[in-house]
Amino acid sequence: MGKTGQAVSQLGTVILFLAGVAFLGSGLIFLCAAVQNTARLPIALALAAIGVALAAWAGLRWQRARQLSPEVLDDRITVLASSHDAELSLAQVVSELKVPDEAARAALARLEIAGLCIQEERNGKVTYVFPGLKERKVVRRCSYCGSVYSVREPLTKCTNCGGTLEIVKT
């Protein structure tokens, strides 16, 4: 949806909310008037119910639009990727985040342009890999013989060849 379509949708949501508030206010006025004339009670309840329904529906529409906004959707996809070993498919994004296919494609394209994910083809399926979210292990490695030691061990020289140890990420 383009910028003008989003603006119209947001304006419609605001109008629905304001109409709901107006109906609810009218219902409350009629409820106060029902103290003197009980014939106004059904009208008061109907107006209040319509007001609550309109305001609630507008609130749900606003919340859904917020969840589909680019910034929020990008963050939700990144969180999802971190819980799936930094690899996602389009189908996973659509099904687990419950977003439309077009919104998911656009968000993944934005993440790819930003350099946060890489698109790879595996077994005929497209997979989005998030290299920054992959777990990395830090070890001490001998620059001569390649022996690997834990960083928890306070070593500076290789026990096999006496070479210097370098701290590297694997």
C-alpha atoms as a PDB file:
ATOM      1  CA  MET A   1       0.000   0.000   0.000  1.00  0.00           C
ATOM      2  CA  GLY A   2       1.372   3.414  -0.933  1.00  0.00           C
ATOM      3  CA  LYS A   3       1.846   6.404   1.320  1.00  0.00           C
ATOM      4  CA  THR A   4      -1.477   7.961   0.254  1.00  0.00           C
ATOM      5  CA  GLY A   5      -3.305   4.676   0.841  1.00  0.00           C
ATOM      6  CA  GLN A   6      -1.827   4.454   4.325  1.00  0.00           C
ATOM      7  CA  ALA A   7      -2.777   8.046   5.073  1.00  0.00           C
ATOM      8  CA  VAL A   8      -6.371   7.436   3.938  1.00  0.00           C
ATOM      9  CA  SER A   9      -6.518   4.261   6.029  1.00  0.00           C
ATOM     10  CA  GLN A  10      -5.163   6.084   9.081  1.00  0.00           C
ATOM     11  CA  LEU A  11      -7.611   8.943   8.556  1.00  0.00           C
ATOM     12  CA  GLY A  12     -10.470   6.436   8.284  1.00  0.00           C
ATOM     13  CA  THR A  13      -9.356   4.786  11.516  1.00  0.00           C
ATOM     14  CA  VAL A  14      -9.238   8.125  13.327  1.00  0.00           C
ATOM     15  CA  ILE A  15     -12.697   9.037  12.011  1.00  0.00           C
ATOM     16  CA  LEU A  16     -14.067   5.678  13.175  1.00  0.00           C
ATOM     17  CA  PHE A  17     -12.565   6.209  16.610  1.00  0.00           C
ATOM     18  CA  LEU A  18     -13.979   9.721  16.904  1.00  0.00           C
ATOM     19  CA  ALA A  19     -17.397   8.485  15.761  1.00  0.00           C
ATOM     20  CA  GLY A  20     -17.198   5.785  18.424  1.00  0.00           C
ATOM     21  CA  VAL A  21     -16.391   8.373  21.079  1.00  0.00           C
ATOM     22  CA  ALA A  22     -19.293  10.539  19.883  1.00  0.00           C
ATOM     23  CA  PHE A  23     -21.723   7.601  20.018  1.00  0.00           C
ATOM     24  CA  LEU A  24     -20.430   6.626  23.463  1.00  0.00           C
ATOM     25  CA  GLY A  25     -20.809  10.205  24.714  1.00  0.00           C
ATOM     26  CA  SER A  26     -24.349  10.383  23.357  1.00  0.00           C
ATOM     27  CA  GLY A  27     -25.128   7.096  25.038  1.00  0.00           C
ATOM     28  CA  LEU A  28     -23.897   8.419  28.360  1.00  0.00           C
ATOM     29  CA  ILE A  29     -25.993  11.591  27.964  1.00  0.00           C
ATOM     30  CA  PHE A  30     -29.066   9.492  27.223  1.00  0.00           C
ATOM     31  CA  LEU A  31     -28.216   7.270  30.199  1.00  0.00           C
ATOM     32  CA  CYS A  32     -28.186  10.322  32.455  1.00  0.00           C
ATOM     33  CA  ALA A  33     -31.504  11.417  30.943  1.00  0.00           C
ATOM     34  CA  ALA A  34     -32.935   7.934  31.503  1.00  0.00           C
ATOM     35  CA  VAL A  35     -33.088   8.686  35.212  1.00  0.00           C
ATOM     36  CA  GLN A  36     -36.044  11.005  34.521  1.00  0.00           C
ATOM     37  CA  ASN A  37     -37.558   9.032  31.630  1.00  0.00           C
ATOM     38  CA  THR A  38     -36.888   5.265  31.497  1.00  0.00           C
ATOM     39  CA  ALA A  39     -38.006   5.110  27.866  1.00  0.00           C
ATOM     40  CA  ARG A  40     -34.561   6.558  26.973  1.00  0.00           C
ATOM     41  CA  LEU A  41     -32.692   3.596  28.519  1.00  0.00           C
ATOM     42  CA  PRO A  42     -32.763   1.320  25.401  1.00  0.00           C
ATOM     43  CA  ILE A  43     -31.544   4.207  23.230  1.00  0.00           C
ATOM     44  CA  ALA A  44     -28.779   4.955  25.721  1.00  0.00           C
ATOM     45  CA  LEU A  45     -27.630   1.336  25.788  1.00  0.00           C
ATOM     46  CA  ALA A  46     -27.750   1.060  21.989  1.00  0.00           C
ATOM     47  CA  LEU A  47     -25.729   4.256  21.498  1.00  0.00           C
ATOM     48  CA  ALA A  48     -23.178   3.178  24.118  1.00  0.00           C
ATOM     49  CA  ALA A  49     -22.843  -0.284  22.534  1.00  0.00           C
ATOM     50  CA  ILE A  50     -22.334   1.232  19.059  1.00  0.00           C
ATOM     51  CA  GLY A  51     -19.758   3.653  20.480  1.00  0.00           C
ATOM     52  CA  VAL A  52     -17.799   0.939  22.251  1.00  0.00           C
ATOM     53  CA  ALA A  53     -17.887  -1.293  19.167  1.00  0.00           C
ATOM     54  CA  LEU A  54     -16.664   1.477  16.829  1.00  0.00           C
ATOM     55  CA  ALA A  55     -13.907   2.589  19.191  1.00  0.00           C
ATOM     56  CA  ALA A  56     -12.740  -0.990  19.765  1.00  0.00           C
ATOM     57  CA  TRP A  57     -12.719  -1.767  16.043  1.00  0.00           C
ATOM     58  CA  ALA A  58     -10.752   1.413  15.313  1.00  0.00           C
ATOM     59  CA  GLY A  59      -8.280   0.482  18.046  1.00  0.00           C
ATOM     60  CA  LEU A  60      -7.769  -2.983  16.570  1.00  0.00           C
ATOM     61  CA  ARG A  61      -7.275  -1.512  13.091  1.00  0.00           C
ATOM     62  CA  TRP A  62      -4.726   0.957  14.484  1.00  0.00           C
ATOM     63  CA  GLN A  63      -2.851  -1.808  16.301  1.00  0.00           C
ATOM     64  CA  ARG A  64      -2.754  -3.999  13.169  1.00  0.00           C
ATOM     65  CA  ALA A  65      -1.495  -1.094  11.062  1.00  0.00           C
ATOM     66  CA  ARG A  66       1.214  -0.454  13.640  1.00  0.00           C
ATOM     67  CA  GLN A  67       2.291  -4.118  13.546  1.00  0.00           C
ATOM     68  CA  LEU A  68       2.625  -3.901   9.763  1.00  0.00           C
ATOM     69  CA  SER A  69       4.602  -0.650   9.780  1.00  0.00           C
ATOM     70  CA  PRO A  70       8.065  -1.114   8.262  1.00  0.00           C
ATOM     71  CA  GLU A  71      10.072  -0.362  11.402  1.00  0.00           C
ATOM     72  CA  VAL A  72       8.059  -2.667  13.648  1.00  0.00           C
ATOM     73  CA  LEU A  73       7.891  -5.477  11.080  1.00  0.00           C
ATOM     74  CA  ASP A  74      11.654  -5.338  10.502  1.00  0.00           C
ATOM     75  CA  ASP A  75      12.228  -5.641  14.248  1.00  0.00           C
ATOM     76  CA  ARG A  76       9.746  -8.515  14.567  1.00  0.00           C
ATOM     77  CA  ILE A  77      11.457 -10.407  11.723  1.00  0.00           C
ATOM     78  CA  THR A  78      14.878  -9.905  13.316  1.00  0.00           C
ATOM     79  CA  VAL A  79      13.610 -11.236  16.657  1.00  0.00           C
ATOM     80  CA  LEU A  80      12.057 -14.211  14.857  1.00  0.00           C
ATOM     81  CA  ALA A  81      15.331 -14.890  13.048  1.00  0.00           C
ATOM     82  CA  SER A  82      17.273 -14.862  16.305  1.00  0.00           C
ATOM     83  CA  SER A  83      14.995 -17.584  17.659  1.00  0.00           C
ATOM     84  CA  HIS A  84      15.398 -19.720  14.497  1.00  0.00           C
ATOM     85  CA  ASP A  85      19.193 -19.974  14.343  1.00  0.00           C
ATOM     86  CA  ALA A  86      19.447 -16.822  12.181  1.00  0.00           C
ATOM     87  CA  GLU A  87      17.757 -18.454   9.175  1.00  0.00           C
ATOM     88  CA  LEU A  88      14.192 -17.866   7.935  1.00  0.00           C
ATOM     89  CA  SER A  89      12.048 -18.571   4.927  1.00  0.00           C
ATOM     90  CA  LEU A  90       9.298 -16.326   3.613  1.00  0.00           C
ATOM     91  CA  ALA A  91       6.715 -18.925   4.638  1.00  0.00           C
ATOM     92  CA  GLN A  92       7.994 -18.884   8.231  1.00  0.00           C
ATOM     93  CA  VAL A  93       7.717 -15.093   8.412  1.00  0.00           C
ATOM     94  CA  VAL A  94       4.187 -15.086   6.990  1.00  0.00           C
ATOM     95  CA  SER A  95       2.902 -17.917   9.171  1.00  0.00           C
ATOM     96  CA  GLU A  96       4.542 -17.076  12.476  1.00  0.00           C
ATOM     97  CA  LEU A  97       4.073 -13.301  12.385  1.00  0.00           C
ATOM     98  CA  LYS A  98       0.650 -13.539  10.700  1.00  0.00           C
ATOM     99  CA  VAL A  99       1.416 -10.823   8.171  1.00  0.00           C
ATOM    100  CA  PRO A 100       0.467 -10.565   4.487  1.00  0.00           C
ATOM    101  CA  ASP A 101       2.864 -12.018   1.941  1.00  0.00           C
ATOM    102  CA  GLU A 102       3.545  -8.605   0.341  1.00  0.00           C
ATOM    103  CA  ALA A 103       4.432  -6.994   3.683  1.00  0.00           C
ATOM    104  CA  ALA A 104       6.800  -9.840   4.545  1.00  0.00           C
ATOM    105  CA  ARG A 105       8.511  -9.655   1.136  1.00  0.00           C
ATOM    106  CA  ALA A 106       8.923  -5.894   1.429  1.00  0.00           C
ATOM    107  CA  ALA A 107      10.346  -6.148   4.949  1.00  0.00           C
ATOM    108  CA  LEU A 108      12.819  -8.873   3.952  1.00  0.00           C
ATOM    109  CA  ALA A 109      13.874  -6.786   0.946  1.00  0.00           C
ATOM    110  CA  ARG A 110      14.469  -3.774   3.232  1.00  0.00           C
ATOM    111  CA  LEU A 111      16.548  -5.929   5.592  1.00  0.00           C
ATOM    112  CA  GLU A 112      18.518  -7.264   2.645  1.00  0.00           C
ATOM    113  CA  ILE A 113      19.197  -3.749   1.305  1.00  0.00           C
ATOM    114  CA  ALA A 114      20.312  -2.677   4.785  1.00  0.00           C
ATOM    115  CA  GLY A 115      22.772  -5.577   4.802  1.00  0.00           C
ATOM    116  CA  LEU A 116      21.162  -7.345   7.754  1.00  0.00           C
ATOM    117  CA  CYS A 117      20.267 -10.504   5.836  1.00  0.00           C
ATOM    118  CA  ILE A 118      21.421 -12.409   2.781  1.00  0.00           C
ATOM    119  CA  GLN A 119      19.166 -14.320   0.429  1.00  0.00           C
ATOM    120  CA  GLU A 120      20.397 -17.854  -0.317  1.00  0.00           C
ATOM    121  CA  GLU A 121      18.854 -20.648  -2.351  1.00  0.00           C
ATOM    122  CA  ARG A 122      18.959 -24.079  -0.712  1.00  0.00           C
ATOM    123  CA  ASN A 123      17.357 -27.154  -2.247  1.00  0.00           C
ATOM    124  CA  GLY A 124      15.258 -24.958  -4.521  1.00  0.00           C
ATOM    125  CA  LYS A 125      13.934 -22.849  -1.626  1.00  0.00           C
ATOM    126  CA  VAL A 126      14.872 -19.287  -0.763  1.00  0.00           C
ATOM    127  CA  THR A 127      16.287 -18.858   2.736  1.00  0.00           C
ATOM    128  CA  TYR A 128      17.148 -15.560   4.383  1.00  0.00           C
ATOM    129  CA  VAL A 129      20.299 -15.794   6.501  1.00  0.00           C
ATOM    130  CA  PHE A 130      21.075 -13.173   9.150  1.00  0.00           C
ATOM    131  CA  PRO A 131      24.872 -13.377   9.579  1.00  0.00           C
ATOM    132  CA  GLY A 132      24.938 -10.871  12.438  1.00  0.00           C
ATOM    133  CA  LEU A 133      22.678 -13.124  14.515  1.00  0.00           C
ATOM    134  CA  LYS A 134      24.686 -16.323  14.087  1.00  0.00           C
ATOM    135  CA  GLU A 135      26.336 -17.501  17.254  1.00  0.00           C
ATOM    136  CA  ARG A 136      30.078 -17.203  17.246  1.00  0.00           C
ATOM    137  CA  LYS A 137      32.492 -18.911  19.525  1.00  0.00           C
ATOM    138  CA  VAL A 138      35.679 -17.172  20.648  1.00  0.00           C
ATOM    139  CA  VAL A 139      38.745 -19.402  21.019  1.00  0.00           C
ATOM    140  CA  ARG A 140      42.522 -19.171  21.282  1.00  0.00           C
ATOM    141  CA  ARG A 141      44.205 -20.580  18.174  1.00  0.00           C
ATOM    142  CA  CYS A 142      47.882 -21.219  17.577  1.00  0.00           C
ATOM    143  CA  SER A 143      49.089 -19.288  14.565  1.00  0.00           C
ATOM    144  CA  TYR A 144      51.623 -22.057  13.690  1.00  0.00           C
ATOM    145  CA  CYS A 145      50.072 -25.483  14.305  1.00  0.00           C
ATOM    146  CA  GLY A 146      46.379 -24.504  14.464  1.00  0.00           C
ATOM    147  CA  SER A 147      45.690 -26.003  17.899  1.00  0.00           C
ATOM    148  CA  VAL A 148      42.579 -24.615  19.561  1.00  0.00           C
ATOM    149  CA  TYR A 149      42.236 -23.748  23.250  1.00  0.00           C
ATOM    150  CA  SER A 150      39.427 -22.322  25.324  1.00  0.00           C
ATOM    151  CA  VAL A 151      39.625 -18.631  26.147  1.00  0.00           C
ATOM    152  CA  ARG A 152      39.008 -19.588  29.769  1.00  0.00           C
ATOM    153  CA  GLU A 153      42.477 -21.087  29.944  1.00  0.00           C
ATOM    154  CA  PRO A 154      45.063 -18.377  30.733  1.00  0.00           C
ATOM    155  CA  LEU A 155      47.512 -19.439  28.023  1.00  0.00           C
ATOM    156  CA  THR A 156      49.679 -17.229  25.849  1.00  0.00           C
ATOM    157  CA  LYS A 157      51.876 -19.959  24.286  1.00  0.00           C
ATOM    158  CA  CYS A 158      50.767 -23.140  22.510  1.00  0.00           C
ATOM    159  CA  THR A 159      51.396 -26.269  24.589  1.00  0.00           C
ATOM    160  CA  ASN A 160      52.121 -28.279  21.418  1.00  0.00           C
ATOM    161  CA  CYS A 161      54.629 -26.110  19.551  1.00  0.00           C
ATOM    162  CA  GLY A 162      55.253 -23.048  21.724  1.00  0.00           C
ATOM    163  CA  GLY A 163      53.768 -20.650  19.169  1.00  0.00           C
ATOM    164  CA  THR A 164      51.793 -17.570  20.118  1.00  0.00           C
ATOM    165  CA  LEU A 165      48.054 -17.910  20.598  1.00  0.00           C
ATOM    166  CA  GLU A 166      45.619 -15.546  18.918  1.00  0.00           C
ATOM    167  CA  ILE A 167      42.030 -14.945  19.953  1.00  0.00           C
ATOM    168  CA  VAL A 168      39.738 -15.610  16.985  1.00  0.00           C
ATOM    169  CA  LYS A 169      36.015 -15.962  16.366  1.00  0.00           C
ATOM    170  CA  THR A 170      34.810 -19.183  14.806  1.00  0.00           C
END
